[in-house]
Structure formats: C-alpha cells, structure tokens
Amino acid sequence: MPRPRKLIEPITLKDGRVLKSVADARAFMLALPERRQMAPYWQYAAELLLKAATRSSKEATLDAWAQLRRALNAEGML
C-alpha cells in the first residue's frame, strides 16, 4: 500500500484540526458544503491536489499546499 503523500508542512486550522497529507486535504474539501466547493479557489485547490496525488513532484505538492492555504485563508479558517 503506498504511503500517503505528505503536504509540504501541516496546516493547522483555527478549530484545531490539522491537515498533514494530500488525503487529509481531499477529505476536508469533500466534507465542505457543495456550494462552497464550487468557489474558484477550492476548484483550483482540488485540481492542484489531484496533480500532487498523481505526480511524485515536490513542486506539485508545494503548489497544492500554497493554494490550499489561500483557499482556507479566504474562508477565514486559518
């Protein structure tokens, strides 16, 4: 079984939850209400997370991590 791809750094949310891996970020995003998932910043984060999950590139993981932080910040979750 492949090891979960870790994010560049864990992301700690205001409520104390911590996103440590691409899988954590995916699960978090899928738990958002559908209306929020449709926001462009979440759509772009999803696209980059998919790339990070399928490529063994540190750059892809960094891009996904940065966009995830932007989306979380836009939602006031950081």
PDB file of N, CA and C in Angstrom:
ATOM      1  N   MET A   1       0.850  -1.181   0.000  1.00  0.00           N
ATOM      2  CA  MET A   1       0.000   0.000   0.000  1.00  0.00           C
ATOM      3  C   MET A   1       0.894   1.244   0.000  1.00  0.00           C
ATOM      4  N   PRO A   2       0.658   2.191  -0.904  1.00  0.00           N
ATOM      5  CA  PRO A   2       1.503   3.389  -0.955  1.00  0.00           C
ATOM      6  C   PRO A   2       1.304   4.269   0.278  1.00  0.00           C
ATOM      7  N   ARG A   3       2.394   4.918   0.673  1.00  0.00           N
ATOM      8  CA  ARG A   3       2.325   5.841   1.808  1.00  0.00           C
ATOM      9  C   ARG A   3       1.597   7.104   1.384  1.00  0.00           C
ATOM     10  N   PRO A   4       0.853   7.702   2.319  1.00  0.00           N
ATOM     11  CA  PRO A   4       0.167   8.956   1.975  1.00  0.00           C
ATOM     12  C   PRO A   4       1.185  10.050   1.645  1.00  0.00           C
ATOM     13  N   ARG A   5       0.894  10.818   0.613  1.00  0.00           N
ATOM     14  CA  ARG A   5       1.779  11.920   0.238  1.00  0.00           C
ATOM     15  C   ARG A   5       1.555  13.058   1.226  1.00  0.00           C
ATOM     16  N   LYS A   6       2.622  13.423   1.920  1.00  0.00           N
ATOM     17  CA  LYS A   6       2.525  14.488   2.916  1.00  0.00           C
ATOM     18  C   LYS A   6       2.513  15.851   2.245  1.00  0.00           C
ATOM     19  N   LEU A   7       1.842  16.801   2.895  1.00  0.00           N
ATOM     20  CA  LEU A   7       1.907  18.193   2.458  1.00  0.00           C
ATOM     21  C   LEU A   7       3.286  18.736   2.808  1.00  0.00           C
ATOM     22  N   ILE A   8       3.665  19.860   2.233  1.00  0.00           N
ATOM     23  CA  ILE A   8       4.963  20.469   2.499  1.00  0.00           C
ATOM     24  C   ILE A   8       5.138  20.720   3.992  1.00  0.00           C
ATOM     25  N   GLU A   9       4.106  21.254   4.616  1.00  0.00           N
ATOM     26  CA  GLU A   9       4.035  21.458   6.065  1.00  0.00           C
ATOM     27  C   GLU A   9       2.596  21.181   6.472  1.00  0.00           C
ATOM     28  N   PRO A  10       2.382  20.667   7.687  1.00  0.00           N
ATOM     29  CA  PRO A  10       0.999  20.520   8.149  1.00  0.00           C
ATOM     30  C   PRO A  10       0.317  21.887   8.214  1.00  0.00           C
ATOM     31  N   ILE A  11      -0.974  21.888   8.001  1.00  0.00           N
ATOM     32  CA  ILE A  11      -1.771  23.118   8.078  1.00  0.00           C
ATOM     33  C   ILE A  11      -2.729  22.967   9.256  1.00  0.00           C
ATOM     34  N   THR A  12      -2.588  23.850  10.239  1.00  0.00           N
ATOM     35  CA  THR A  12      -3.455  23.819  11.413  1.00  0.00           C
ATOM     36  C   THR A  12      -4.567  24.847  11.242  1.00  0.00           C
ATOM     37  N   LEU A  13      -5.789  24.368  11.312  1.00  0.00           N
ATOM     38  CA  LEU A  13      -6.956  25.229  11.168  1.00  0.00           C
ATOM     39  C   LEU A  13      -7.286  25.900  12.497  1.00  0.00           C
ATOM     40  N   LYS A  14      -8.061  26.967  12.434  1.00  0.00           N
ATOM     41  CA  LYS A  14      -8.460  27.691  13.647  1.00  0.00           C
ATOM     42  C   LYS A  14      -9.146  26.789  14.665  1.00  0.00           C
ATOM     43  N   ASP A  15      -9.870  25.789  14.180  1.00  0.00           N
ATOM     44  CA  ASP A  15     -10.602  24.911  15.095  1.00  0.00           C
ATOM     45  C   ASP A  15      -9.743  23.779  15.658  1.00  0.00           C
ATOM     46  N   GLY A  16      -8.450  23.780  15.317  1.00  0.00           N
ATOM     47  CA  GLY A  16      -7.528  22.794  15.868  1.00  0.00           C
ATOM     48  C   GLY A  16      -7.270  21.593  14.980  1.00  0.00           C
ATOM     49  N   ARG A  17      -8.081  21.395  13.951  1.00  0.00           N
ATOM     50  CA  ARG A  17      -7.819  20.281  13.036  1.00  0.00           C
ATOM     51  C   ARG A  17      -6.522  20.537  12.286  1.00  0.00           C
ATOM     52  N   VAL A  18      -5.842  19.446  11.930  1.00  0.00           N
ATOM     53  CA  VAL A  18      -4.566  19.554  11.227  1.00  0.00           C
ATOM     54  C   VAL A  18      -4.635  18.728   9.943  1.00  0.00           C
ATOM     55  N   LEU A  19      -4.284  19.369   8.831  1.00  0.00           N
ATOM     56  CA  LEU A  19      -4.191  18.685   7.536  1.00  0.00           C
ATOM     57  C   LEU A  19      -2.718  18.363   7.315  1.00  0.00           C
ATOM     58  N   LYS A  20      -2.387  17.067   7.283  1.00  0.00           N
ATOM     59  CA  LYS A  20      -0.991  16.647   7.163  1.00  0.00           C
ATOM     60  C   LYS A  20      -0.652  16.053   5.799  1.00  0.00           C
ATOM     61  N   SER A  21      -1.662  15.586   5.093  1.00  0.00           N
ATOM     62  CA  SER A  21      -1.401  14.888   3.833  1.00  0.00           C
ATOM     63  C   SER A  21      -2.376  15.340   2.752  1.00  0.00           C
ATOM     64  N   VAL A  22      -2.054  14.960   1.534  1.00  0.00           N
ATOM     65  CA  VAL A  22      -2.950  15.235   0.409  1.00  0.00           C
ATOM     66  C   VAL A  22      -4.302  14.563   0.673  1.00  0.00           C
ATOM     67  N   ALA A  23      -4.275  13.374   1.247  1.00  0.00           N
ATOM     68  CA  ALA A  23      -5.524  12.670   1.560  1.00  0.00           C
ATOM     69  C   ALA A  23      -6.340  13.422   2.611  1.00  0.00           C
ATOM     70  N   ASP A  24      -5.671  13.984   3.619  1.00  0.00           N
ATOM     71  CA  ASP A  24      -6.378  14.793   4.626  1.00  0.00           C
ATOM     72  C   ASP A  24      -7.062  15.986   3.960  1.00  0.00           C
ATOM     73  N   ALA A  25      -6.328  16.659   3.081  1.00  0.00           N
ATOM     74  CA  ALA A  25      -6.867  17.842   2.400  1.00  0.00           C
ATOM     75  C   ALA A  25      -8.059  17.459   1.528  1.00  0.00           C
ATOM     76  N   ARG A  26      -7.945  16.349   0.834  1.00  0.00           N
ATOM     77  CA  ARG A  26      -9.046  15.873  -0.017  1.00  0.00           C
ATOM     78  C   ARG A  26     -10.292  15.598   0.819  1.00  0.00           C
ATOM     79  N   ALA A  27     -10.119  14.866   1.917  1.00  0.00           N
ATOM     80  CA  ALA A  27     -11.257  14.543   2.784  1.00  0.00           C
ATOM     81  C   ALA A  27     -11.891  15.814   3.346  1.00  0.00           C
ATOM     82  N   PHE A  28     -11.057  16.766   3.729  1.00  0.00           N
ATOM     83  CA  PHE A  28     -11.561  18.033   4.254  1.00  0.00           C
ATOM     84  C   PHE A  28     -12.400  18.744   3.198  1.00  0.00           C
ATOM     85  N   MET A  29     -11.873  18.830   1.988  1.00  0.00           N
ATOM     86  CA  MET A  29     -12.571  19.539   0.921  1.00  0.00           C
ATOM     87  C   MET A  29     -13.882  18.849   0.548  1.00  0.00           C
ATOM     88  N   LEU A  30     -13.887  17.529   0.531  1.00  0.00           N
ATOM     89  CA  LEU A  30     -15.111  16.802   0.190  1.00  0.00           C
ATOM     90  C   LEU A  30     -16.186  16.950   1.262  1.00  0.00           C
ATOM     91  N   ALA A  31     -15.775  17.277   2.484  1.00  0.00           N
ATOM     92  CA  ALA A  31     -16.736  17.477   3.573  1.00  0.00           C
ATOM     93  C   ALA A  31     -17.353  18.876   3.559  1.00  0.00           C
ATOM     94  N   LEU A  32     -16.792  19.772   2.759  1.00  0.00           N
ATOM     95  CA  LEU A  32     -17.358  21.116   2.658  1.00  0.00           C
ATOM     96  C   LEU A  32     -18.714  21.051   1.959  1.00  0.00           C
ATOM     97  N   PRO A  33     -19.617  21.962   2.297  1.00  0.00           N
ATOM     98  CA  PRO A  33     -20.878  22.019   1.549  1.00  0.00           C
ATOM     99  C   PRO A  33     -20.595  22.228   0.054  1.00  0.00           C
ATOM    100  N   GLU A  34     -21.399  21.611  -0.781  1.00  0.00           N
ATOM    101  CA  GLU A  34     -21.166  21.660  -2.230  1.00  0.00           C
ATOM    102  C   GLU A  34     -21.062  23.094  -2.744  1.00  0.00           C
ATOM    103  N   ARG A  35     -21.869  23.971  -2.204  1.00  0.00           N
ATOM    104  CA  ARG A  35     -21.836  25.370  -2.651  1.00  0.00           C
ATOM    105  C   ARG A  35     -20.451  25.989  -2.427  1.00  0.00           C
ATOM    106  N   ARG A  36     -19.844  25.679  -1.297  1.00  0.00           N
ATOM    107  CA  ARG A  36     -18.507  26.206  -1.019  1.00  0.00           C
ATOM    108  C   ARG A  36     -17.466  25.538  -1.910  1.00  0.00           C
ATOM    109  N   GLN A  37     -17.640  24.256  -2.187  1.00  0.00           N
ATOM    110  CA  GLN A  37     -16.696  23.540  -3.049  1.00  0.00           C
ATOM    111  C   GLN A  37     -16.623  24.157  -4.442  1.00  0.00           C
ATOM    112  N   MET A  38     -17.680  24.817  -4.857  1.00  0.00           N
ATOM    113  CA  MET A  38     -17.738  25.402  -6.194  1.00  0.00           C
ATOM    114  C   MET A  38     -16.977  26.720  -6.311  1.00  0.00           C
ATOM    115  N   ALA A  39     -16.520  27.276  -5.206  1.00  0.00           N
ATOM    116  CA  ALA A  39     -15.751  28.525  -5.263  1.00  0.00           C
ATOM    117  C   ALA A  39     -14.483  28.284  -6.084  1.00  0.00           C
ATOM    118  N   PRO A  40     -14.102  29.247  -6.919  1.00  0.00           N
ATOM    119  CA  PRO A  40     -12.931  29.060  -7.782  1.00  0.00           C
ATOM    120  C   PRO A  40     -11.659  28.676  -7.030  1.00  0.00           C
ATOM    121  N   TYR A  41     -11.453  29.233  -5.847  1.00  0.00           N
ATOM    122  CA  TYR A  41     -10.223  28.902  -5.119  1.00  0.00           C
ATOM    123  C   TYR A  41     -10.223  27.449  -4.636  1.00  0.00           C
ATOM    124  N   TRP A  42     -11.405  26.887  -4.320  1.00  0.00           N
ATOM    125  CA  TRP A  42     -11.464  25.472  -3.954  1.00  0.00           C
ATOM    126  C   TRP A  42     -11.323  24.589  -5.193  1.00  0.00           C
ATOM    127  N   GLN A  43     -11.905  25.018  -6.306  1.00  0.00           N
ATOM    128  CA  GLN A  43     -11.778  24.255  -7.547  1.00  0.00           C
ATOM    129  C   GLN A  43     -10.313  24.146  -7.967  1.00  0.00           C
ATOM    130  N   TYR A  44      -9.595  25.264  -7.865  1.00  0.00           N
ATOM    131  CA  TYR A  44      -8.176  25.255  -8.229  1.00  0.00           C
ATOM    132  C   TYR A  44      -7.381  24.408  -7.242  1.00  0.00           C
ATOM    133  N   ALA A  45      -7.712  24.495  -5.956  1.00  0.00           N
ATOM    134  CA  ALA A  45      -7.036  23.663  -4.954  1.00  0.00           C
ATOM    135  C   ALA A  45      -7.249  22.181  -5.269  1.00  0.00           C
ATOM    136  N   ALA A  46      -8.462  21.813  -5.656  1.00  0.00           N
ATOM    137  CA  ALA A  46      -8.752  20.415  -5.994  1.00  0.00           C
ATOM    138  C   ALA A  46      -7.925  19.959  -7.194  1.00  0.00           C
ATOM    139  N   GLU A  47      -7.829  20.812  -8.190  1.00  0.00           N
ATOM    140  CA  GLU A  47      -7.028  20.490  -9.383  1.00  0.00           C
ATOM    141  C   GLU A  47      -5.567  20.251  -9.001  1.00  0.00           C
ATOM    142  N   LEU A  48      -5.023  21.136  -8.172  1.00  0.00           N
ATOM    143  CA  LEU A  48      -3.619  21.008  -7.775  1.00  0.00           C
ATOM    144  C   LEU A  48      -3.399  19.821  -6.841  1.00  0.00           C
ATOM    145  N   LEU A  49      -4.364  19.520  -5.980  1.00  0.00           N
ATOM    146  CA  LEU A  49      -4.239  18.344  -5.113  1.00  0.00           C
ATOM    147  C   LEU A  49      -4.228  17.063  -5.933  1.00  0.00           C
ATOM    148  N   LEU A  50      -5.032  17.019  -6.986  1.00  0.00           N
ATOM    149  CA  LEU A  50      -5.029  15.849  -7.859  1.00  0.00           C
ATOM    150  C   LEU A  50      -3.655  15.675  -8.506  1.00  0.00           C
ATOM    151  N   LYS A  51      -3.068  16.765  -8.975  1.00  0.00           N
ATOM    152  CA  LYS A  51      -1.718  16.693  -9.552  1.00  0.00           C
ATOM    153  C   LYS A  51      -0.713  16.222  -8.513  1.00  0.00           C
ATOM    154  N   ALA A  52      -0.815  16.755  -7.298  1.00  0.00           N
ATOM    155  CA  ALA A  52       0.112  16.363  -6.235  1.00  0.00           C
ATOM    156  C   ALA A  52      -0.037  14.880  -5.896  1.00  0.00           C
ATOM    157  N   ALA A  53      -1.260  14.374  -5.962  1.00  0.00           N
ATOM    158  CA  ALA A  53      -1.510  12.972  -5.631  1.00  0.00           C
ATOM    159  C   ALA A  53      -0.993  12.026  -6.709  1.00  0.00           C
ATOM    160  N   THR A  54      -0.926  12.495  -7.945  1.00  0.00           N
ATOM    161  CA  THR A  54      -0.563  11.605  -9.049  1.00  0.00           C
ATOM    162  C   THR A  54       0.858  11.793  -9.559  1.00  0.00           C
ATOM    163  N   ARG A  55       1.535  12.811  -9.085  1.00  0.00           N
ATOM    164  CA  ARG A  55       2.918  13.057  -9.513  1.00  0.00           C
ATOM    165  C   ARG A  55       3.840  12.999  -8.304  1.00  0.00           C
ATOM    166  N   SER A  56       5.026  12.509  -8.512  1.00  0.00           N
ATOM    167  CA  SER A  56       5.988  12.468  -7.405  1.00  0.00           C
ATOM    168  C   SER A  56       6.884  13.696  -7.471  1.00  0.00           C
ATOM    169  N   SER A  57       6.256  14.848  -7.566  1.00  0.00           N
ATOM    170  CA  SER A  57       6.967  16.112  -7.707  1.00  0.00           C
ATOM    171  C   SER A  57       6.756  16.970  -6.465  1.00  0.00           C
ATOM    172  N   LYS A  58       7.862  17.397  -5.873  1.00  0.00           N
ATOM    173  CA  LYS A  58       7.760  18.292  -4.719  1.00  0.00           C
ATOM    174  C   LYS A  58       7.101  19.606  -5.137  1.00  0.00           C
ATOM    175  N   GLU A  59       7.360  20.039  -6.358  1.00  0.00           N
ATOM    176  CA  GLU A  59       6.762  21.279  -6.868  1.00  0.00           C
ATOM    177  C   GLU A  59       5.235  21.172  -6.919  1.00  0.00           C
ATOM    178  N   ALA A  60       4.718  20.037  -7.372  1.00  0.00           N
ATOM    179  CA  ALA A  60       3.262  19.846  -7.432  1.00  0.00           C
ATOM    180  C   ALA A  60       2.660  19.884  -6.031  1.00  0.00           C
ATOM    181  N   THR A  61       3.350  19.274  -5.079  1.00  0.00           N
ATOM    182  CA  THR A  61       2.865  19.280  -3.695  1.00  0.00           C
ATOM    183  C   THR A  61       2.927  20.683  -3.110  1.00  0.00           C
ATOM    184  N   LEU A  62       3.978  21.418  -3.414  1.00  0.00           N
ATOM    185  CA  LEU A  62       4.102  22.798  -2.938  1.00  0.00           C
ATOM    186  C   LEU A  62       2.994  23.674  -3.516  1.00  0.00           C
ATOM    187  N   ASP A  63       2.718  23.528  -4.801  1.00  0.00           N
ATOM    188  CA  ASP A  63       1.648  24.305  -5.437  1.00  0.00           C
ATOM    189  C   ASP A  63       0.296  24.014  -4.781  1.00  0.00           C
ATOM    190  N   ALA A  64       0.020  22.737  -4.529  1.00  0.00           N
ATOM    191  CA  ALA A  64      -1.246  22.354  -3.898  1.00  0.00           C
ATOM    192  C   ALA A  64      -1.332  22.910  -2.482  1.00  0.00           C
ATOM    193  N   TRP A  65      -0.258  22.796  -1.725  1.00  0.00           N
ATOM    194  CA  TRP A  65      -0.211  23.304  -0.352  1.00  0.00           C
ATOM    195  C   TRP A  65      -0.473  24.808  -0.319  1.00  0.00           C
ATOM    196  N   ALA A  66       0.177  25.546  -1.213  1.00  0.00           N
ATOM    197  CA  ALA A  66       0.019  27.004  -1.247  1.00  0.00           C
ATOM    198  C   ALA A  66      -1.417  27.393  -1.602  1.00  0.00           C
ATOM    199  N   GLN A  67      -2.007  26.728  -2.585  1.00  0.00           N
ATOM    200  CA  GLN A  67      -3.389  27.049  -2.971  1.00  0.00           C
ATOM    201  C   GLN A  67      -4.369  26.643  -1.879  1.00  0.00           C
ATOM    202  N   LEU A  68      -4.112  25.546  -1.235  1.00  0.00           N
ATOM    203  CA  LEU A  68      -4.969  25.126  -0.130  1.00  0.00           C
ATOM    204  C   LEU A  68      -4.949  26.182   0.976  1.00  0.00           C
ATOM    205  N   ARG A  69      -3.783  26.709   1.287  1.00  0.00           N
ATOM    206  CA  ARG A  69      -3.679  27.770   2.298  1.00  0.00           C
ATOM    207  C   ARG A  69      -4.437  29.025   1.849  1.00  0.00           C
ATOM    208  N   ARG A  70      -4.344  29.372   0.562  1.00  0.00           N
ATOM    209  CA  ARG A  70      -5.083  30.541   0.059  1.00  0.00           C
ATOM    210  C   ARG A  70      -6.590  30.331   0.213  1.00  0.00           C
ATOM    211  N   ALA A  71      -7.058  29.145  -0.132  1.00  0.00           N
ATOM    212  CA  ALA A  71      -8.491  28.851  -0.023  1.00  0.00           C
ATOM    213  C   ALA A  71      -8.945  28.876   1.438  1.00  0.00           C
ATOM    214  N   LEU A  72      -8.173  28.273   2.301  1.00  0.00           N
ATOM    215  CA  LEU A  72      -8.516  28.263   3.728  1.00  0.00           C
ATOM    216  C   LEU A  72      -8.510  29.675   4.299  1.00  0.00           C
ATOM    217  N   ASN A  73      -7.555  30.466   3.880  1.00  0.00           N
ATOM    218  CA  ASN A  73      -7.481  31.853   4.343  1.00  0.00           C
ATOM    219  C   ASN A  73      -8.694  32.648   3.848  1.00  0.00           C
ATOM    220  N   ALA A  74      -9.081  32.426   2.597  1.00  0.00           N
ATOM    221  CA  ALA A  74     -10.246  33.122   2.035  1.00  0.00           C
ATOM    222  C   ALA A  74     -11.521  32.774   2.806  1.00  0.00           C
ATOM    223  N   GLU A  75     -11.569  31.578   3.365  1.00  0.00           N
ATOM    224  CA  GLU A  75     -12.734  31.131   4.131  1.00  0.00           C
ATOM    225  C   GLU A  75     -12.632  31.509   5.611  1.00  0.00           C
ATOM    226  N   GLY A  76     -11.511  32.139   6.001  1.00  0.00           N
ATOM    227  CA  GLY A  76     -11.325  32.518   7.405  1.00  0.00           C
ATOM    228  C   GLY A  76     -11.033  31.339   8.314  1.00  0.00           C
ATOM    229  N   MET A  77     -10.460  30.292   7.753  1.00  0.00           N
ATOM    230  CA  MET A  77     -10.203  29.081   8.529  1.00  0.00           C
ATOM    231  C   MET A  77      -8.784  29.002   9.080  1.00  0.00           C
ATOM    232  N   LEU A  78      -7.944  29.943   8.699  1.00  0.00           N
ATOM    233  CA  LEU A  78      -6.564  29.955   9.209  1.00  0.00           C
ATOM    234  C   LEU A  78      -6.381  31.066  10.215  1.00  0.00           C
TER     235      LEU A  78
END
